[in-house]
Full PDB file with SEQRES, HELIX, SHEET, SSBOND, CRYST1, ORIGX, SCALE, CONECT and MASTER records, all heavy atoms in Angstrom:
SEQRES   1 A   37  GLU GLN ALA GLU ILE ALA VAL ASP GLU ALA GLN GLU ARG          
SEQRES   2 A   37  ILE GLN ALA ALA GLN THR LEU VAL ALA SER ALA GLN GLU          
SEQRES   3 A   37  ASN PHE ARG LEU ALA GLN GLY ARG PHE ASP ALA                  
HELIX    1 AA1 GLN A    2  ASP A   36  1                                  35    
CRYST1    1.000    1.000    1.000  90.00  90.00  90.00 P 1           1          
ORIGX1      1.000000  0.000000  0.000000        0.00000                         
ORIGX2      0.000000  1.000000  0.000000        0.00000                         
ORIGX3      0.000000  0.000000  1.000000        0.00000                         
SCALE1      1.000000  0.000000  0.000000        0.00000                         
SCALE2      0.000000  1.000000  0.000000        0.00000                         
SCALE3      0.000000  0.000000  1.000000        0.00000                         
ATOM      1  N   GLU A   1     117.440  78.088  95.261  1.00  0.00           N  
ATOM      2  CA  GLU A   1     117.960  78.780  96.459  1.00  0.00           C  
ATOM      3  C   GLU A   1     118.501  80.107  96.137  1.00  0.00           C  
ATOM      4  O   GLU A   1     118.297  81.128  96.870  1.00  0.00           O  
ATOM      5  CB  GLU A   1     119.026  77.897  97.135  1.00  0.00           C  
ATOM      6  CG  GLU A   1     118.495  76.684  97.828  1.00  0.00           C  
ATOM      7  CD  GLU A   1     117.540  77.019  99.008  1.00  0.00           C  
ATOM      8  OE1 GLU A   1     117.932  77.970  99.739  1.00  0.00           O  
ATOM      9  OE2 GLU A   1     116.552  76.412  99.113  1.00  0.00           O  
ATOM     10  N   GLN A   2     119.271  80.246  95.011  1.00  0.00           N  
ATOM     11  CA  GLN A   2     119.879  81.504  94.678  1.00  0.00           C  
ATOM     12  C   GLN A   2     118.805  82.546  94.356  1.00  0.00           C  
ATOM     13  O   GLN A   2     118.900  83.693  94.612  1.00  0.00           O  
ATOM     14  CB  GLN A   2     120.786  81.316  93.495  1.00  0.00           C  
ATOM     15  CG  GLN A   2     122.065  80.619  93.817  1.00  0.00           C  
ATOM     16  CD  GLN A   2     122.970  80.287  92.592  1.00  0.00           C  
ATOM     17  OE1 GLN A   2     122.488  80.331  91.523  1.00  0.00           O  
ATOM     18  NE2 GLN A   2     124.218  80.026  92.827  1.00  0.00           N  
ATOM     19  N   ALA A   3     117.710  82.071  93.585  1.00  0.00           N  
ATOM     20  CA  ALA A   3     116.609  82.987  93.279  1.00  0.00           C  
ATOM     21  C   ALA A   3     115.939  83.402  94.542  1.00  0.00           C  
ATOM     22  O   ALA A   3     115.474  84.620  94.635  1.00  0.00           O  
ATOM     23  CB  ALA A   3     115.649  82.252  92.347  1.00  0.00           C  
ATOM     24  N   GLU A   4     115.685  82.561  95.518  1.00  0.00           N  
ATOM     25  CA  GLU A   4     115.070  82.961  96.814  1.00  0.00           C  
ATOM     26  C   GLU A   4     115.887  83.975  97.490  1.00  0.00           C  
ATOM     27  O   GLU A   4     115.371  84.986  98.051  1.00  0.00           O  
ATOM     28  CB  GLU A   4     114.885  81.700  97.684  1.00  0.00           C  
ATOM     29  CG  GLU A   4     113.826  80.755  97.140  1.00  0.00           C  
ATOM     30  CD  GLU A   4     113.847  79.437  97.930  1.00  0.00           C  
ATOM     31  OE1 GLU A   4     114.799  79.254  98.681  1.00  0.00           O  
ATOM     32  OE2 GLU A   4     112.906  78.599  97.743  1.00  0.00           O  
ATOM     33  N   ILE A   5     117.209  83.773  97.517  1.00  0.00           N  
ATOM     34  CA  ILE A   5     118.079  84.740  98.256  1.00  0.00           C  
ATOM     35  C   ILE A   5     118.013  86.075  97.523  1.00  0.00           C  
ATOM     36  O   ILE A   5     117.965  87.147  98.191  1.00  0.00           O  
ATOM     37  CB  ILE A   5     119.607  84.165  98.215  1.00  0.00           C  
ATOM     38  CG1 ILE A   5     119.636  82.973  99.142  1.00  0.00           C  
ATOM     39  CG2 ILE A   5     120.545  85.279  98.734  1.00  0.00           C  
ATOM     40  CD1 ILE A   5     120.977  82.229  99.045  1.00  0.00           C  
ATOM     41  N   ALA A   6     118.000  86.118  96.206  1.00  0.00           N  
ATOM     42  CA  ALA A   6     117.877  87.347  95.462  1.00  0.00           C  
ATOM     43  C   ALA A   6     116.530  88.058  95.741  1.00  0.00           C  
ATOM     44  O   ALA A   6     116.541  89.316  95.899  1.00  0.00           O  
ATOM     45  CB  ALA A   6     117.988  87.116  93.982  1.00  0.00           C  
ATOM     46  N   VAL A   7     115.505  87.370  95.869  1.00  0.00           N  
ATOM     47  CA  VAL A   7     114.171  87.949  96.236  1.00  0.00           C  
ATOM     48  C   VAL A   7     114.222  88.540  97.629  1.00  0.00           C  
ATOM     49  O   VAL A   7     113.825  89.741  97.837  1.00  0.00           O  
ATOM     50  CB  VAL A   7     113.052  86.926  96.101  1.00  0.00           C  
ATOM     51  CG1 VAL A   7     111.727  87.521  96.699  1.00  0.00           C  
ATOM     52  CG2 VAL A   7     112.804  86.504  94.649  1.00  0.00           C  
ATOM     53  N   ASP A   8     114.755  87.854  98.610  1.00  0.00           N  
ATOM     54  CA  ASP A   8     114.855  88.378  99.970  1.00  0.00           C  
ATOM     55  C   ASP A   8     115.720  89.600 100.029  1.00  0.00           C  
ATOM     56  O   ASP A   8     115.398  90.589 100.682  1.00  0.00           O  
ATOM     57  CB  ASP A   8     115.418  87.291 100.915  1.00  0.00           C  
ATOM     58  CG  ASP A   8     114.423  86.142 101.114  1.00  0.00           C  
ATOM     59  OD1 ASP A   8     113.214  86.385 100.879  1.00  0.00           O  
ATOM     60  OD2 ASP A   8     114.831  85.009 101.477  1.00  0.00           O  
ATOM     61  N   GLU A   9     116.837  89.544  99.295  1.00  0.00           N  
ATOM     62  CA  GLU A   9     117.747  90.687  99.304  1.00  0.00           C  
ATOM     63  C   GLU A   9     117.125  91.947  98.666  1.00  0.00           C  
ATOM     64  O   GLU A   9     117.196  93.075  99.230  1.00  0.00           O  
ATOM     65  CB  GLU A   9     119.045  90.371  98.504  1.00  0.00           C  
ATOM     66  CG  GLU A   9     120.019  91.549  98.394  1.00  0.00           C  
ATOM     67  CD  GLU A   9     121.000  91.413  97.238  1.00  0.00           C  
ATOM     68  OE1 GLU A   9     120.923  90.389  96.536  1.00  0.00           O  
ATOM     69  OE2 GLU A   9     121.881  92.238  97.149  1.00  0.00           O  
ATOM     70  N   ALA A  10     116.353  91.709  97.596  1.00  0.00           N  
ATOM     71  CA  ALA A  10     115.681  92.851  96.966  1.00  0.00           C  
ATOM     72  C   ALA A  10     114.657  93.441  97.822  1.00  0.00           C  
ATOM     73  O   ALA A  10     114.479  94.682  97.839  1.00  0.00           O  
ATOM     74  CB  ALA A  10     115.089  92.387  95.623  1.00  0.00           C  
ATOM     75  N   GLN A  11     113.891  92.619  98.547  1.00  0.00           N  
ATOM     76  CA  GLN A  11     112.939  93.196  99.492  1.00  0.00           C  
ATOM     77  C   GLN A  11     113.546  94.001 100.548  1.00  0.00           C  
ATOM     78  O   GLN A  11     113.021  95.126 100.890  1.00  0.00           O  
ATOM     79  CB  GLN A  11     112.089  92.042 100.107  1.00  0.00           C  
ATOM     80  CG  GLN A  11     111.194  91.250  99.081  1.00  0.00           C  
ATOM     81  CD  GLN A  11     110.244  90.329  99.763  1.00  0.00           C  
ATOM     82  OE1 GLN A  11     109.073  90.659  99.938  1.00  0.00           O  
ATOM     83  NE2 GLN A  11     110.702  89.161 100.133  1.00  0.00           N  
ATOM     84  N   GLU A  12     114.642  93.604 101.111  1.00  0.00           N  
ATOM     85  CA  GLU A  12     115.329  94.294 102.178  1.00  0.00           C  
ATOM     86  C   GLU A  12     115.892  95.663 101.562  1.00  0.00           C  
ATOM     87  O   GLU A  12     115.811  96.675 102.275  1.00  0.00           O  
ATOM     88  CB  GLU A  12     116.432  93.511 102.751  1.00  0.00           C  
ATOM     89  CG  GLU A  12     115.965  92.262 103.487  1.00  0.00           C  
ATOM     90  CD  GLU A  12     117.037  91.371 103.993  1.00  0.00           C  
ATOM     91  OE1 GLU A  12     118.268  91.729 103.718  1.00  0.00           O  
ATOM     92  OE2 GLU A  12     116.850  90.357 104.654  1.00  0.00           O  
ATOM     93  N   ARG A  13     116.407  95.529 100.360  1.00  0.00           N  
ATOM     94  CA  ARG A  13     116.949  96.830  99.680  1.00  0.00           C  
ATOM     95  C   ARG A  13     115.819  97.750  99.455  1.00  0.00           C  
ATOM     96  O   ARG A  13     116.065  99.015  99.565  1.00  0.00           O  
ATOM     97  CB  ARG A  13     117.616  96.422  98.451  1.00  0.00           C  
ATOM     98  CG  ARG A  13     119.005  95.772  98.622  1.00  0.00           C  
ATOM     99  CD  ARG A  13     119.573  95.237  97.340  1.00  0.00           C  
ATOM    100  NE  ARG A  13     119.498  96.236  96.273  1.00  0.00           N  
ATOM    101  CZ  ARG A  13     119.485  95.964  95.019  1.00  0.00           C  
ATOM    102  NH1 ARG A  13     119.565  94.701  94.605  1.00  0.00           N  
ATOM    103  NH2 ARG A  13     119.447  96.934  94.140  1.00  0.00           N  
ATOM    104  N   ILE A  14     114.652  97.352  99.055  1.00  0.00           N  
ATOM    105  CA  ILE A  14     113.583  98.232  98.794  1.00  0.00           C  
ATOM    106  C   ILE A  14     113.170  98.993 100.131  1.00  0.00           C  
ATOM    107  O   ILE A  14     112.971 100.206 100.136  1.00  0.00           O  
ATOM    108  CB  ILE A  14     112.301  97.500  98.211  1.00  0.00           C  
ATOM    109  CG1 ILE A  14     112.624  97.065  96.836  1.00  0.00           C  
ATOM    110  CG2 ILE A  14     111.064  98.374  98.231  1.00  0.00           C  
ATOM    111  CD1 ILE A  14     111.506  96.112  96.240  1.00  0.00           C  
ATOM    112  N   GLN A  15     113.038  98.269 101.185  1.00  0.00           N  
ATOM    113  CA  GLN A  15     112.705  98.845 102.438  1.00  0.00           C  
ATOM    114  C   GLN A  15     113.709  99.860 102.923  1.00  0.00           C  
ATOM    115  O   GLN A  15     113.391 101.004 103.365  1.00  0.00           O  
ATOM    116  CB  GLN A  15     112.486  97.826 103.490  1.00  0.00           C  
ATOM    117  CG  GLN A  15     111.367  96.883 103.208  1.00  0.00           C  
ATOM    118  CD  GLN A  15     111.241  95.680 104.161  1.00  0.00           C  
ATOM    119  OE1 GLN A  15     112.082  95.530 105.040  1.00  0.00           O  
ATOM    120  NE2 GLN A  15     110.292  94.733 103.910  1.00  0.00           N  
ATOM    121  N   ALA A  16     115.045  99.540 102.747  1.00  0.00           N  
ATOM    122  CA  ALA A  16     116.060 100.457 103.094  1.00  0.00           C  
ATOM    123  C   ALA A  16     116.087 101.666 102.164  1.00  0.00           C  
ATOM    124  O   ALA A  16     116.280 102.816 102.619  1.00  0.00           O  
ATOM    125  CB  ALA A  16     117.435  99.768 103.065  1.00  0.00           C  
ATOM    126  N   ALA A  17     115.791 101.406 100.817  1.00  0.00           N  
ATOM    127  CA  ALA A  17     115.840 102.543  99.863  1.00  0.00           C  
ATOM    128  C   ALA A  17     114.680 103.517 100.132  1.00  0.00           C  
ATOM    129  O   ALA A  17     114.863 104.748  99.955  1.00  0.00           O  
ATOM    130  CB  ALA A  17     115.773 102.039  98.486  1.00  0.00           C  
ATOM    131  N   GLN A  18     113.579 102.992 100.564  1.00  0.00           N  
ATOM    132  CA  GLN A  18     112.331 103.847 100.781  1.00  0.00           C  
ATOM    133  C   GLN A  18     112.689 104.759 102.022  1.00  0.00           C  
ATOM    134  O   GLN A  18     112.396 105.945 102.010  1.00  0.00           O  
ATOM    135  CB  GLN A  18     111.140 103.028 101.067  1.00  0.00           C  
ATOM    136  CG  GLN A  18     110.634 102.375  99.809  1.00  0.00           C  
ATOM    137  CD  GLN A  18     109.447 101.418 100.100  1.00  0.00           C  
ATOM    138  OE1 GLN A  18     109.249 101.037 101.248  1.00  0.00           O  
ATOM    139  NE2 GLN A  18     108.720 101.099  99.062  1.00  0.00           N  
ATOM    140  N   THR A  19     113.366 104.222 103.011  1.00  0.00           N  
ATOM    141  CA  THR A  19     113.792 105.041 104.204  1.00  0.00           C  
ATOM    142  C   THR A  19     114.801 106.075 103.774  1.00  0.00           C  
ATOM    143  O   THR A  19     114.793 107.237 104.165  1.00  0.00           O  
ATOM    144  CB  THR A  19     114.346 104.166 105.309  1.00  0.00           C  
ATOM    145  OG1 THR A  19     113.329 103.195 105.686  1.00  0.00           O  
ATOM    146  CG2 THR A  19     114.754 104.947 106.468  1.00  0.00           C  
ATOM    147  N   LEU A  20     115.725 105.655 102.863  1.00  0.00           N  
ATOM    148  CA  LEU A  20     116.776 106.564 102.388  1.00  0.00           C  
ATOM    149  C   LEU A  20     116.142 107.690 101.597  1.00  0.00           C  
ATOM    150  O   LEU A  20     116.601 108.832 101.725  1.00  0.00           O  
ATOM    151  CB  LEU A  20     117.748 105.722 101.493  1.00  0.00           C  
ATOM    152  CG  LEU A  20     118.898 106.586 100.845  1.00  0.00           C  
ATOM    153  CD1 LEU A  20     119.757 107.214 101.955  1.00  0.00           C  
ATOM    154  CD2 LEU A  20     119.743 105.726  99.978  1.00  0.00           C  
ATOM    155  N   VAL A  21     115.169 107.408 100.739  1.00  0.00           N  
ATOM    156  CA  VAL A  21     114.538 108.424  99.959  1.00  0.00           C  
ATOM    157  C   VAL A  21     113.858 109.484 100.903  1.00  0.00           C  
ATOM    158  O   VAL A  21     113.947 110.686 100.718  1.00  0.00           O  
ATOM    159  CB  VAL A  21     113.486 107.894  98.986  1.00  0.00           C  
ATOM    160  CG1 VAL A  21     112.623 108.970  98.325  1.00  0.00           C  
ATOM    161  CG2 VAL A  21     114.230 107.107  97.866  1.00  0.00           C  
ATOM    162  N   ALA A  22     113.130 108.970 101.858  1.00  0.00           N  
ATOM    163  CA  ALA A  22     112.457 109.880 102.794  1.00  0.00           C  
ATOM    164  C   ALA A  22     113.474 110.812 103.530  1.00  0.00           C  
ATOM    165  O   ALA A  22     113.221 112.068 103.648  1.00  0.00           O  
ATOM    166  CB  ALA A  22     111.657 109.105 103.842  1.00  0.00           C  
ATOM    167  N   SER A  23     114.592 110.249 103.941  1.00  0.00           N  
ATOM    168  CA  SER A  23     115.584 111.065 104.645  1.00  0.00           C  
ATOM    169  C   SER A  23     116.206 112.061 103.663  1.00  0.00           C  
ATOM    170  O   SER A  23     116.449 113.201 104.043  1.00  0.00           O  
ATOM    171  CB  SER A  23     116.690 110.159 105.223  1.00  0.00           C  
ATOM    172  OG  SER A  23     116.129 109.268 106.193  1.00  0.00           O  
ATOM    173  N   ALA A  24     116.476 111.555 102.440  1.00  0.00           N  
ATOM    174  CA  ALA A  24     117.134 112.503 101.458  1.00  0.00           C  
ATOM    175  C   ALA A  24     116.201 113.629 101.060  1.00  0.00           C  
ATOM    176  O   ALA A  24     116.655 114.779 100.816  1.00  0.00           O  
ATOM    177  CB  ALA A  24     117.534 111.681 100.184  1.00  0.00           C  
ATOM    178  N   GLN A  25     114.894 113.373 100.979  1.00  0.00           N  
ATOM    179  CA  GLN A  25     113.927 114.442 100.641  1.00  0.00           C  
ATOM    180  C   GLN A  25     113.932 115.494 101.754  1.00  0.00           C  
ATOM    181  O   GLN A  25     113.881 116.633 101.520  1.00  0.00           O  
ATOM    182  CB  GLN A  25     112.556 113.830 100.390  1.00  0.00           C  
ATOM    183  CG  GLN A  25     112.395 113.079  99.136  1.00  0.00           C  
ATOM    184  CD  GLN A  25     111.032 112.375  99.014  1.00  0.00           C  
ATOM    185  OE1 GLN A  25     110.377 112.098 100.019  1.00  0.00           O  
ATOM    186  NE2 GLN A  25     110.641 112.105  97.797  1.00  0.00           N  
ATOM    187  N   GLU A  26     113.911 115.004 102.983  1.00  0.00           N  
ATOM    188  CA  GLU A  26     113.896 115.952 104.148  1.00  0.00           C  
ATOM    189  C   GLU A  26     115.216 116.763 104.197  1.00  0.00           C  
ATOM    190  O   GLU A  26     115.226 117.969 104.401  1.00  0.00           O  
ATOM    191  CB  GLU A  26     113.734 115.194 105.456  1.00  0.00           C  
ATOM    192  CG  GLU A  26     113.694 116.014 106.647  1.00  0.00           C  
ATOM    193  CD  GLU A  26     112.556 117.077 106.729  1.00  0.00           C  
ATOM    194  OE1 GLU A  26     111.559 116.880 105.959  1.00  0.00           O  
ATOM    195  OE2 GLU A  26     112.582 117.963 107.514  1.00  0.00           O  
ATOM    196  N   ASN A  27     116.306 116.135 103.927  1.00  0.00           N  
ATOM    197  CA  ASN A  27     117.644 116.821 103.886  1.00  0.00           C  
ATOM    198  C   ASN A  27     117.650 117.820 102.829  1.00  0.00           C  
ATOM    199  O   ASN A  27     118.179 119.024 103.022  1.00  0.00           O  
ATOM    200  CB  ASN A  27     118.744 115.795 103.722  1.00  0.00           C  
ATOM    201  CG  ASN A  27     120.071 116.448 103.835  1.00  0.00           C  
ATOM    202  OD1 ASN A  27     120.382 117.249 104.686  1.00  0.00           O  
ATOM    203  ND2 ASN A  27     120.987 116.056 102.868  1.00  0.00           N  
ATOM    204  N   PHE A  28     117.118 117.512 101.617  1.00  0.00           N  
ATOM    205  CA  PHE A  28     117.137 118.446 100.528  1.00  0.00           C  
ATOM    206  C   PHE A  28     116.209 119.638 100.878  1.00  0.00           C  
ATOM    207  O   PHE A  28     116.549 120.771 100.575  1.00  0.00           O  
ATOM    208  CB  PHE A  28     116.699 117.781  99.211  1.00  0.00           C  
ATOM    209  CG  PHE A  28     116.512 118.759  98.131  1.00  0.00           C  
ATOM    210  CD1 PHE A  28     117.667 119.263  97.441  1.00  0.00           C  
ATOM    211  CD2 PHE A  28     115.254 119.158  97.640  1.00  0.00           C  
ATOM    212  CE1 PHE A  28     117.510 120.185  96.415  1.00  0.00           C  
ATOM    213  CE2 PHE A  28     115.100 120.037  96.614  1.00  0.00           C  
ATOM    214  CZ  PHE A  28     116.261 120.585  95.973  1.00  0.00           C  
ATOM    215  N   ARG A  29     115.106 119.409 101.532  1.00  0.00           N  
ATOM    216  CA  ARG A  29     114.152 120.466 101.808  1.00  0.00           C  
ATOM    217  C   ARG A  29     114.834 121.433 102.812  1.00  0.00           C  
ATOM    218  O   ARG A  29     114.751 122.678 102.661  1.00  0.00           O  
ATOM    219  CB  ARG A  29     112.906 119.894 102.486  1.00  0.00           C  
ATOM    220  CG  ARG A  29     111.766 120.913 102.783  1.00  0.00           C  
ATOM    221  CD  ARG A  29     110.666 120.284 103.525  1.00  0.00           C  
ATOM    222  NE  ARG A  29     110.994 119.794 104.833  1.00  0.00           N  
ATOM    223  CZ  ARG A  29     111.115 120.621 105.908  1.00  0.00           C  
ATOM    224  NH1 ARG A  29     110.808 121.949 105.741  1.00  0.00           N  
ATOM    225  NH2 ARG A  29     111.427 120.134 107.053  1.00  0.00           N  
ATOM    226  N   LEU A  30     115.568 120.882 103.837  1.00  0.00           N  
ATOM    227  CA  LEU A  30     116.214 121.734 104.801  1.00  0.00           C  
ATOM    228  C   LEU A  30     117.353 122.526 104.068  1.00  0.00           C  
ATOM    229  O   LEU A  30     117.515 123.696 104.385  1.00  0.00           O  
ATOM    230  CB  LEU A  30     116.794 120.900 105.927  1.00  0.00           C  
ATOM    231  CG  LEU A  30     115.703 120.222 106.815  1.00  0.00           C  
ATOM    232  CD1 LEU A  30     116.384 119.307 107.801  1.00  0.00           C  
ATOM    233  CD2 LEU A  30     114.809 121.236 107.490  1.00  0.00           C  
ATOM    234  N   ALA A  31     118.125 121.835 103.249  1.00  0.00           N  
ATOM    235  CA  ALA A  31     119.202 122.511 102.616  1.00  0.00           C  
ATOM    236  C   ALA A  31     118.779 123.668 101.658  1.00  0.00           C  
ATOM    237  O   ALA A  31     119.372 124.713 101.581  1.00  0.00           O  
ATOM    238  CB  ALA A  31     120.106 121.520 101.781  1.00  0.00           C  
ATOM    239  N   GLN A  32     117.651 123.374 100.993  1.00  0.00           N  
ATOM    240  CA  GLN A  32     117.071 124.398 100.091  1.00  0.00           C  
ATOM    241  C   GLN A  32     116.553 125.576 100.904  1.00  0.00           C  
ATOM    242  O   GLN A  32     116.720 126.723 100.593  1.00  0.00           O  
ATOM    243  CB  GLN A  32     116.014 123.814  99.226  1.00  0.00           C  
ATOM    244  CG  GLN A  32     115.572 124.704  98.110  1.00  0.00           C  
ATOM    245  CD  GLN A  32     114.591 124.004  97.152  1.00  0.00           C  
ATOM    246  OE1 GLN A  32     113.720 123.265  97.640  1.00  0.00           O  
ATOM    247  NE2 GLN A  32     114.752 124.259  95.848  1.00  0.00           N  
ATOM    248  N   GLY A  33     115.936 125.286 102.034  1.00  0.00           N  
ATOM    249  CA  GLY A  33     115.469 126.388 102.865  1.00  0.00           C  
ATOM    250  C   GLY A  33     116.588 127.174 103.458  1.00  0.00           C  
ATOM    251  O   GLY A  33     116.506 128.439 103.505  1.00  0.00           O  
ATOM    252  N   ARG A  34     117.691 126.565 103.868  1.00  0.00           N  
ATOM    253  CA  ARG A  34     118.919 127.320 104.375  1.00  0.00           C  
ATOM    254  C   ARG A  34     119.457 128.150 103.273  1.00  0.00           C  
ATOM    255  O   ARG A  34     119.912 129.287 103.483  1.00  0.00           O  
ATOM    256  CB  ARG A  34     119.926 126.258 104.923  1.00  0.00           C  
ATOM    257  CG  ARG A  34     119.497 125.677 106.251  1.00  0.00           C  
ATOM    258  CD  ARG A  34     120.412 124.529 106.602  1.00  0.00           C  
ATOM    259  NE  ARG A  34     121.755 124.967 106.648  1.00  0.00           N  
ATOM    260  CZ  ARG A  34     122.367 125.568 107.697  1.00  0.00           C  
ATOM    261  NH1 ARG A  34     121.660 125.826 108.782  1.00  0.00           N  
ATOM    262  NH2 ARG A  34     123.633 125.975 107.628  1.00  0.00           N  
ATOM    263  N   PHE A  35     119.505 127.588 102.029  1.00  0.00           N  
ATOM    264  CA  PHE A  35     120.125 128.323 100.943  1.00  0.00           C  
ATOM    265  C   PHE A  35     119.308 129.546 100.553  1.00  0.00           C  
ATOM    266  O   PHE A  35     119.765 130.672 100.355  1.00  0.00           O  
ATOM    267  CB  PHE A  35     120.272 127.374  99.765  1.00  0.00           C  
ATOM    268  CG  PHE A  35     120.900 128.109  98.559  1.00  0.00           C  
ATOM    269  CD1 PHE A  35     122.307 128.361  98.534  1.00  0.00           C  
ATOM    270  CD2 PHE A  35     120.197 128.533  97.448  1.00  0.00           C  
ATOM    271  CE1 PHE A  35     122.879 129.013  97.434  1.00  0.00           C  
ATOM    272  CE2 PHE A  35     120.705 129.162  96.445  1.00  0.00           C  
ATOM    273  CZ  PHE A  35     122.108 129.375  96.373  1.00  0.00           C  
ATOM    274  N   ASP A  36     117.905 129.324 100.523  1.00  0.00           N  
ATOM    275  CA  ASP A  36     116.995 130.436 100.244  1.00  0.00           C  
ATOM    276  C   ASP A  36     117.053 131.499 101.329  1.00  0.00           C  
ATOM    277  O   ASP A  36     116.833 132.768 101.046  1.00  0.00           O  
ATOM    278  CB  ASP A  36     115.582 129.951 100.029  1.00  0.00           C  
ATOM    279  CG  ASP A  36     115.473 129.049  98.786  1.00  0.00           C  
ATOM    280  OD1 ASP A  36     116.347 129.144  97.891  1.00  0.00           O  
ATOM    281  OD2 ASP A  36     114.524 128.286  98.705  1.00  0.00           O  
ATOM    282  N   ALA A  37     117.342 131.106 102.567  1.00  0.00           N  
ATOM    283  CA  ALA A  37     117.377 132.091 103.668  1.00  0.00           C  
ATOM    284  C   ALA A  37     118.772 132.782 103.671  1.00  0.00           C  
ATOM    285  O   ALA A  37     118.982 133.701 104.496  1.00  0.00           O  
ATOM    286  CB  ALA A  37     117.140 131.388 104.991  1.00  0.00           C  
TER     287      ALA A  37                                                      
MASTER        0    0    0    1    0    0    0    6  286    1    0    3          
END                                                                             
């Protein structure tokens, strides 16, 4: 049961982390553009 819970948690964290990376990349692109401008 503990191993199953850990697998489910890791899957949810991956999905959330992938969304987080996409948002962070867009935020960095905008911040770099503002700084260069």
